[in-house]
N, C-alpha and C. Protein backbone atom coordinates (compact mmCIF):
# COMPACT_ATOMS: atom_id res chain seq x y z
N MET A 1 -117.31 19.81 -109.25
CA MET A 1 -117.47 21.20 -108.88
C MET A 1 -116.77 22.05 -109.94
N MET A 2 -117.29 23.25 -110.13
CA MET A 2 -116.66 24.21 -111.02
C MET A 2 -115.83 25.17 -110.17
N VAL A 3 -114.59 25.40 -110.61
CA VAL A 3 -113.69 26.32 -109.93
C VAL A 3 -113.02 27.17 -111.00
N ASP A 4 -113.27 28.46 -110.96
CA ASP A 4 -112.72 29.38 -111.97
C ASP A 4 -112.99 28.90 -113.39
N GLY A 5 -114.17 28.38 -113.64
CA GLY A 5 -114.56 27.92 -114.97
C GLY A 5 -114.08 26.53 -115.34
N ASP A 6 -113.31 25.88 -114.49
CA ASP A 6 -112.84 24.52 -114.74
C ASP A 6 -113.63 23.52 -113.91
N ARG A 7 -113.99 22.40 -114.53
CA ARG A 7 -114.65 21.32 -113.79
C ARG A 7 -113.56 20.50 -113.11
N ARG A 8 -113.63 20.40 -111.78
CA ARG A 8 -112.60 19.70 -111.00
C ARG A 8 -113.26 18.65 -110.12
N SER A 9 -112.58 17.54 -109.97
CA SER A 9 -113.06 16.47 -109.11
C SER A 9 -112.71 16.79 -107.66
N VAL A 10 -113.71 16.68 -106.80
CA VAL A 10 -113.54 16.93 -105.37
C VAL A 10 -113.98 15.67 -104.64
N LYS A 11 -113.19 15.22 -103.68
CA LYS A 11 -113.53 14.01 -102.94
C LYS A 11 -114.11 14.37 -101.58
N LEU A 12 -115.07 13.58 -101.18
CA LEU A 12 -115.70 13.73 -99.88
C LEU A 12 -115.07 12.71 -98.95
N ASP A 13 -114.48 13.18 -97.86
CA ASP A 13 -113.82 12.28 -96.91
C ASP A 13 -114.41 12.49 -95.53
N SER A 14 -115.31 11.59 -95.15
CA SER A 14 -115.99 11.74 -93.86
C SER A 14 -115.08 11.43 -92.68
N CYS A 15 -113.85 10.99 -92.95
CA CYS A 15 -112.89 10.74 -91.87
C CYS A 15 -111.85 11.85 -91.76
N ALA A 16 -111.82 12.75 -92.74
CA ALA A 16 -110.85 13.84 -92.71
C ALA A 16 -111.37 14.95 -91.80
N ARG A 17 -110.52 15.37 -90.90
CA ARG A 17 -110.93 16.42 -89.96
C ARG A 17 -110.98 17.79 -90.61
N TYR A 18 -110.12 18.01 -91.61
CA TYR A 18 -110.02 19.30 -92.27
C TYR A 18 -110.17 19.15 -93.78
N ILE A 19 -110.51 20.24 -94.43
CA ILE A 19 -110.49 20.28 -95.88
C ILE A 19 -109.03 20.35 -96.30
N VAL A 20 -108.65 19.49 -97.26
CA VAL A 20 -107.26 19.39 -97.68
C VAL A 20 -107.19 19.56 -99.20
N ALA A 21 -106.28 20.40 -99.66
CA ALA A 21 -106.08 20.62 -101.08
C ALA A 21 -104.61 20.41 -101.43
N GLY A 22 -104.37 19.74 -102.55
CA GLY A 22 -103.01 19.56 -103.03
C GLY A 22 -102.47 20.86 -103.62
N THR A 23 -101.18 20.89 -103.87
CA THR A 23 -100.54 22.12 -104.34
C THR A 23 -101.02 22.56 -105.72
N ASP A 24 -101.54 21.63 -106.56
CA ASP A 24 -102.09 22.03 -107.86
C ASP A 24 -103.29 22.95 -107.71
N TRP A 25 -103.95 22.89 -106.56
CA TRP A 25 -105.14 23.70 -106.32
C TRP A 25 -104.80 25.15 -105.94
N MET A 26 -103.53 25.44 -105.70
CA MET A 26 -103.15 26.79 -105.28
C MET A 26 -103.55 27.85 -106.31
N LYS A 27 -103.57 27.48 -107.59
CA LYS A 27 -103.94 28.44 -108.63
C LYS A 27 -105.42 28.81 -108.59
N TYR A 28 -106.23 28.03 -107.89
CA TYR A 28 -107.67 28.29 -107.81
C TYR A 28 -108.07 29.05 -106.55
N GLY A 29 -107.20 29.12 -105.58
CA GLY A 29 -107.56 29.74 -104.30
C GLY A 29 -106.81 31.04 -104.05
N ASP A 30 -107.12 31.64 -102.92
CA ASP A 30 -106.40 32.83 -102.47
C ASP A 30 -104.97 32.44 -102.12
N GLU A 31 -104.12 33.44 -101.99
CA GLU A 31 -102.74 33.21 -101.55
C GLU A 31 -102.76 32.53 -100.19
N PRO A 32 -102.01 31.42 -100.03
CA PRO A 32 -102.03 30.71 -98.73
C PRO A 32 -101.54 31.59 -97.59
N THR A 33 -102.21 31.47 -96.46
CA THR A 33 -101.79 32.16 -95.24
C THR A 33 -101.07 31.16 -94.35
N LYS A 34 -100.44 31.61 -93.33
CA LYS A 34 -99.73 30.72 -92.40
C LYS A 34 -100.60 30.36 -91.20
N GLU A 35 -101.89 30.63 -91.25
CA GLU A 35 -102.77 30.41 -90.12
C GLU A 35 -103.42 29.03 -90.15
N ALA A 36 -102.69 28.02 -90.53
CA ALA A 36 -103.24 26.66 -90.60
C ALA A 36 -103.51 26.13 -89.20
N PRO A 37 -104.58 25.33 -89.04
CA PRO A 37 -104.90 24.78 -87.72
C PRO A 37 -103.91 23.72 -87.26
N VAL A 38 -103.15 23.14 -88.21
CA VAL A 38 -102.16 22.12 -87.89
C VAL A 38 -100.92 22.35 -88.76
N ASP A 39 -99.79 21.79 -88.33
CA ASP A 39 -98.56 21.90 -89.12
C ASP A 39 -98.43 20.77 -90.13
N TYR A 40 -99.00 19.60 -89.79
CA TYR A 40 -98.89 18.42 -90.63
C TYR A 40 -100.23 17.69 -90.66
N VAL A 41 -100.47 16.94 -91.76
CA VAL A 41 -101.58 16.00 -91.82
C VAL A 41 -101.00 14.63 -92.10
N GLU A 42 -101.70 13.61 -91.65
CA GLU A 42 -101.23 12.24 -91.86
C GLU A 42 -101.84 11.71 -93.14
N GLY A 43 -100.97 11.29 -94.06
CA GLY A 43 -101.42 10.73 -95.32
C GLY A 43 -101.64 9.23 -95.20
N ILE A 44 -102.05 8.63 -96.31
CA ILE A 44 -102.25 7.19 -96.34
C ILE A 44 -100.91 6.52 -96.06
N GLY A 45 -100.91 5.55 -95.17
CA GLY A 45 -99.69 4.86 -94.79
C GLY A 45 -98.97 5.52 -93.62
N GLY A 46 -99.55 6.57 -93.06
CA GLY A 46 -98.97 7.21 -91.89
C GLY A 46 -97.93 8.27 -92.18
N PHE A 47 -97.71 8.60 -93.45
CA PHE A 47 -96.74 9.63 -93.79
C PHE A 47 -97.25 11.00 -93.34
N LEU A 48 -96.36 11.80 -92.76
CA LEU A 48 -96.72 13.17 -92.38
C LEU A 48 -96.45 14.10 -93.55
N LEU A 49 -97.45 14.91 -93.89
CA LEU A 49 -97.34 15.85 -94.99
C LEU A 49 -97.44 17.27 -94.45
N ASN A 50 -96.53 18.13 -94.88
CA ASN A 50 -96.45 19.51 -94.42
C ASN A 50 -97.64 20.34 -94.91
N VAL A 51 -98.26 21.09 -94.01
CA VAL A 51 -99.32 22.02 -94.38
C VAL A 51 -98.68 23.38 -94.67
N VAL A 52 -98.79 23.83 -95.91
CA VAL A 52 -98.18 25.08 -96.36
C VAL A 52 -98.93 26.29 -95.80
N GLY A 53 -100.24 26.19 -95.74
CA GLY A 53 -101.08 27.28 -95.25
C GLY A 53 -102.53 27.00 -95.59
N ILE A 54 -103.36 28.02 -95.45
CA ILE A 54 -104.79 27.92 -95.73
C ILE A 54 -105.12 28.81 -96.93
N SER A 55 -105.91 28.29 -97.85
CA SER A 55 -106.42 29.09 -98.97
C SER A 55 -107.93 29.01 -98.99
N ARG A 56 -108.57 30.07 -99.44
CA ARG A 56 -110.03 30.07 -99.61
C ARG A 56 -110.35 29.75 -101.06
N PHE A 57 -111.31 28.83 -101.24
CA PHE A 57 -111.74 28.41 -102.56
C PHE A 57 -113.23 28.68 -102.73
N GLN A 58 -113.62 29.08 -103.93
CA GLN A 58 -115.02 29.29 -104.29
C GLN A 58 -115.41 28.15 -105.23
N LEU A 59 -116.17 27.18 -104.71
CA LEU A 59 -116.60 26.03 -105.49
C LEU A 59 -118.06 26.25 -105.89
N THR A 60 -118.39 25.96 -107.14
CA THR A 60 -119.76 26.13 -107.63
C THR A 60 -120.36 24.77 -107.93
N SER A 61 -121.52 24.49 -107.34
CA SER A 61 -122.18 23.20 -107.53
C SER A 61 -122.96 23.18 -108.84
N VAL A 62 -123.50 22.01 -109.19
CA VAL A 62 -124.31 21.88 -110.40
C VAL A 62 -125.58 22.72 -110.32
N PHE A 63 -125.96 23.13 -109.11
CA PHE A 63 -127.13 23.97 -108.93
C PHE A 63 -126.76 25.46 -108.87
N ASP A 64 -125.54 25.79 -109.32
CA ASP A 64 -125.02 27.16 -109.32
C ASP A 64 -124.95 27.79 -107.94
N LYS A 65 -124.81 26.99 -106.91
CA LYS A 65 -124.63 27.48 -105.55
C LYS A 65 -123.14 27.55 -105.27
N VAL A 66 -122.66 28.72 -104.89
CA VAL A 66 -121.24 28.89 -104.56
C VAL A 66 -121.02 28.48 -103.12
N VAL A 67 -120.07 27.58 -102.92
CA VAL A 67 -119.70 27.12 -101.59
C VAL A 67 -118.27 27.60 -101.35
N ALA A 68 -118.09 28.51 -100.40
CA ALA A 68 -116.76 29.01 -100.06
C ALA A 68 -116.18 28.14 -98.96
N VAL A 69 -114.97 27.61 -99.19
CA VAL A 69 -114.33 26.75 -98.20
C VAL A 69 -112.88 27.18 -98.01
N ASP A 70 -112.39 26.99 -96.79
CA ASP A 70 -110.98 27.23 -96.47
C ASP A 70 -110.31 25.87 -96.37
N GLY A 71 -109.30 25.64 -97.21
CA GLY A 71 -108.63 24.35 -97.23
C GLY A 71 -107.16 24.44 -96.90
N CYS A 72 -106.66 23.41 -96.22
CA CYS A 72 -105.23 23.31 -95.92
C CYS A 72 -104.49 22.91 -97.20
N ILE A 73 -103.54 23.72 -97.63
CA ILE A 73 -102.70 23.36 -98.77
C ILE A 73 -101.61 22.44 -98.26
N VAL A 74 -101.55 21.24 -98.85
CA VAL A 74 -100.65 20.20 -98.34
C VAL A 74 -99.56 19.92 -99.36
N ASP A 75 -98.31 20.08 -98.92
CA ASP A 75 -97.14 19.77 -99.73
C ASP A 75 -97.01 18.26 -99.80
N GLY A 76 -96.84 17.71 -100.98
CA GLY A 76 -96.74 16.26 -101.12
C GLY A 76 -97.96 15.68 -101.79
N CYS A 77 -99.04 16.43 -101.81
CA CYS A 77 -100.22 16.08 -102.59
C CYS A 77 -100.24 17.05 -103.76
N THR A 78 -100.79 16.63 -104.87
CA THR A 78 -100.85 17.55 -106.00
C THR A 78 -102.28 17.89 -106.37
N GLY A 79 -103.00 16.95 -106.98
CA GLY A 79 -104.31 17.25 -107.52
C GLY A 79 -105.49 16.95 -106.62
N ASP A 80 -105.27 16.39 -105.45
CA ASP A 80 -106.38 16.00 -104.59
C ASP A 80 -107.02 17.19 -103.89
N PHE A 81 -108.34 17.10 -103.70
CA PHE A 81 -109.08 18.06 -102.89
C PHE A 81 -110.08 17.26 -102.09
N LEU A 82 -109.92 17.26 -100.78
CA LEU A 82 -110.80 16.49 -99.89
C LEU A 82 -111.65 17.42 -99.06
N LEU A 83 -112.96 17.24 -99.15
CA LEU A 83 -113.87 17.95 -98.25
C LEU A 83 -114.00 17.12 -96.99
N GLY A 84 -113.62 17.67 -95.87
CA GLY A 84 -113.64 16.95 -94.60
C GLY A 84 -114.84 17.30 -93.75
N VAL A 85 -114.86 16.74 -92.55
CA VAL A 85 -115.99 16.94 -91.66
C VAL A 85 -116.09 18.37 -91.14
N ASP A 86 -115.01 19.16 -91.26
CA ASP A 86 -115.10 20.55 -90.81
C ASP A 86 -116.14 21.33 -91.61
N LEU A 87 -116.28 21.03 -92.90
CA LEU A 87 -117.31 21.68 -93.71
C LEU A 87 -118.69 21.30 -93.21
N MET A 88 -118.88 20.02 -92.92
CA MET A 88 -120.20 19.56 -92.47
C MET A 88 -120.53 20.10 -91.08
N GLN A 89 -119.54 20.16 -90.19
CA GLN A 89 -119.77 20.70 -88.85
C GLN A 89 -120.09 22.19 -88.90
N LYS A 90 -119.35 22.92 -89.71
CA LYS A 90 -119.55 24.37 -89.82
C LYS A 90 -120.97 24.72 -90.24
N HIS A 91 -121.53 23.92 -91.15
CA HIS A 91 -122.85 24.20 -91.69
C HIS A 91 -123.95 23.34 -91.08
N GLY A 92 -123.61 22.44 -90.16
CA GLY A 92 -124.61 21.53 -89.62
C GLY A 92 -125.17 20.62 -90.69
N ALA A 93 -124.30 20.21 -91.61
CA ALA A 93 -124.72 19.42 -92.76
C ALA A 93 -124.92 17.95 -92.41
N THR A 94 -125.72 17.30 -93.21
CA THR A 94 -125.93 15.85 -93.07
C THR A 94 -125.56 15.18 -94.39
N MET A 95 -124.96 13.99 -94.26
CA MET A 95 -124.67 13.16 -95.42
C MET A 95 -125.78 12.12 -95.54
N ASP A 96 -126.44 12.09 -96.67
CA ASP A 96 -127.52 11.16 -96.91
C ASP A 96 -127.06 10.17 -97.98
N PHE A 97 -126.74 8.93 -97.56
CA PHE A 97 -126.25 7.94 -98.50
C PHE A 97 -127.36 7.29 -99.30
N GLU A 98 -128.61 7.44 -98.89
CA GLU A 98 -129.72 6.93 -99.69
C GLU A 98 -129.97 7.84 -100.89
N ARG A 99 -129.83 9.14 -100.68
CA ARG A 99 -130.03 10.11 -101.77
C ARG A 99 -128.71 10.54 -102.41
N ASN A 100 -127.59 10.13 -101.83
CA ASN A 100 -126.26 10.52 -102.30
C ASN A 100 -126.11 12.04 -102.39
N GLU A 101 -126.33 12.68 -101.24
CA GLU A 101 -126.17 14.13 -101.21
C GLU A 101 -125.84 14.61 -99.80
N ILE A 102 -125.18 15.75 -99.76
CA ILE A 102 -124.94 16.48 -98.51
C ILE A 102 -125.94 17.63 -98.53
N ARG A 103 -126.59 17.85 -97.39
CA ARG A 103 -127.59 18.92 -97.31
C ARG A 103 -127.33 19.79 -96.08
N TYR A 104 -127.52 21.10 -96.27
CA TYR A 104 -127.51 22.03 -95.14
C TYR A 104 -128.26 23.29 -95.54
N LYS A 105 -128.54 24.12 -94.56
CA LYS A 105 -129.24 25.39 -94.82
C LYS A 105 -128.27 26.55 -94.66
N GLU A 106 -128.42 27.52 -95.55
CA GLU A 106 -127.62 28.73 -95.49
C GLU A 106 -128.51 29.90 -95.89
N ASP A 107 -128.64 30.88 -95.02
CA ASP A 107 -129.51 32.04 -95.27
C ASP A 107 -130.93 31.60 -95.62
N SER A 108 -131.46 30.65 -94.86
CA SER A 108 -132.83 30.13 -95.03
C SER A 108 -133.05 29.42 -96.36
N ARG A 109 -131.98 29.06 -97.04
CA ARG A 109 -132.09 28.32 -98.30
C ARG A 109 -131.38 26.99 -98.17
N ALA A 110 -131.92 25.98 -98.81
CA ALA A 110 -131.31 24.65 -98.78
C ALA A 110 -130.14 24.60 -99.76
N VAL A 111 -129.03 24.04 -99.30
CA VAL A 111 -127.87 23.80 -100.16
C VAL A 111 -127.75 22.29 -100.28
N VAL A 112 -127.71 21.80 -101.51
CA VAL A 112 -127.61 20.36 -101.77
C VAL A 112 -126.37 20.14 -102.63
N ILE A 113 -125.49 19.25 -102.16
CA ILE A 113 -124.29 18.88 -102.91
C ILE A 113 -124.40 17.39 -103.21
N PRO A 114 -124.70 17.01 -104.46
CA PRO A 114 -124.81 15.59 -104.79
C PRO A 114 -123.43 14.94 -104.85
N PHE A 115 -123.38 13.64 -104.59
CA PHE A 115 -122.13 12.89 -104.73
C PHE A 115 -122.43 11.50 -105.25
N ARG A 116 -121.38 10.82 -105.72
CA ARG A 116 -121.47 9.45 -106.23
C ARG A 116 -120.57 8.56 -105.40
N THR A 117 -120.99 7.34 -105.17
CA THR A 117 -120.12 6.35 -104.55
C THR A 117 -119.84 5.27 -105.59
N SER A 118 -118.68 4.64 -105.47
CA SER A 118 -118.33 3.57 -106.41
C SER A 118 -117.51 2.52 -105.69
N GLY A 119 -117.50 1.33 -106.25
CA GLY A 119 -116.70 0.25 -105.70
C GLY A 119 -117.22 -0.32 -104.41
N VAL A 120 -118.51 -0.19 -104.14
CA VAL A 120 -119.08 -0.68 -102.89
C VAL A 120 -119.61 -2.09 -103.08
N THR A 121 -119.23 -2.98 -102.18
CA THR A 121 -119.77 -4.34 -102.16
C THR A 121 -120.38 -4.58 -100.80
N ASN A 122 -121.07 -5.68 -100.66
CA ASN A 122 -121.74 -5.98 -99.39
C ASN A 122 -120.78 -6.07 -98.21
N ASN A 123 -119.57 -6.56 -98.44
CA ASN A 123 -118.61 -6.73 -97.34
C ASN A 123 -117.53 -5.65 -97.33
N ALA A 124 -117.74 -4.58 -98.07
CA ALA A 124 -116.71 -3.55 -98.19
C ALA A 124 -116.49 -2.83 -96.87
N ARG A 125 -115.24 -2.52 -96.58
CA ARG A 125 -114.89 -1.75 -95.40
C ARG A 125 -114.51 -0.32 -95.80
N MET A 126 -114.43 -0.07 -97.10
CA MET A 126 -114.06 1.24 -97.61
C MET A 126 -114.81 1.46 -98.92
N ALA A 127 -115.22 2.67 -99.18
CA ALA A 127 -115.89 3.00 -100.44
C ALA A 127 -115.30 4.28 -101.00
N ALA A 128 -115.11 4.30 -102.29
CA ALA A 128 -114.65 5.51 -102.96
C ALA A 128 -115.84 6.43 -103.16
N VAL A 129 -115.67 7.71 -102.84
CA VAL A 129 -116.75 8.68 -103.00
C VAL A 129 -116.24 9.81 -103.88
N ARG A 130 -117.03 10.17 -104.89
CA ARG A 130 -116.63 11.24 -105.79
C ARG A 130 -117.75 12.26 -105.89
N MET A 131 -117.41 13.53 -105.71
CA MET A 131 -118.40 14.60 -105.83
C MET A 131 -118.73 14.78 -107.31
N VAL A 132 -120.00 14.99 -107.63
CA VAL A 132 -120.42 15.18 -109.01
C VAL A 132 -120.96 16.58 -109.24
N CYS A 133 -120.59 17.49 -108.41
CA CYS A 133 -121.10 18.86 -108.53
C CYS A 133 -120.49 19.56 -109.71
């Protein structure tokens, strides 16, 4: 995704309830507010990470479609940005793993966000997913 003219890697996390951004992302979003839906998020290994606030980000896809998202700024993470299921629920989006894209409609227009998966084997219980927007 492009953010303020910079190409940034964004991860798609179908198990994350909220959009989560590390503190390095604060320079790309609005000033964080204190209106976060939660005080903490659980990181890998069960560690609780403090939610600093919510920032709005303007992400631009490879198709020049701007996707505005509100993400929880998480202290203890730096460069990560996870798109969670809240984005998909808000827009009624579907994840299509055959086409490797998320699709939804906005103002009677189709929005398509392509993604890549890697490290998948036949017996895999986890797959790394990377947005290629």
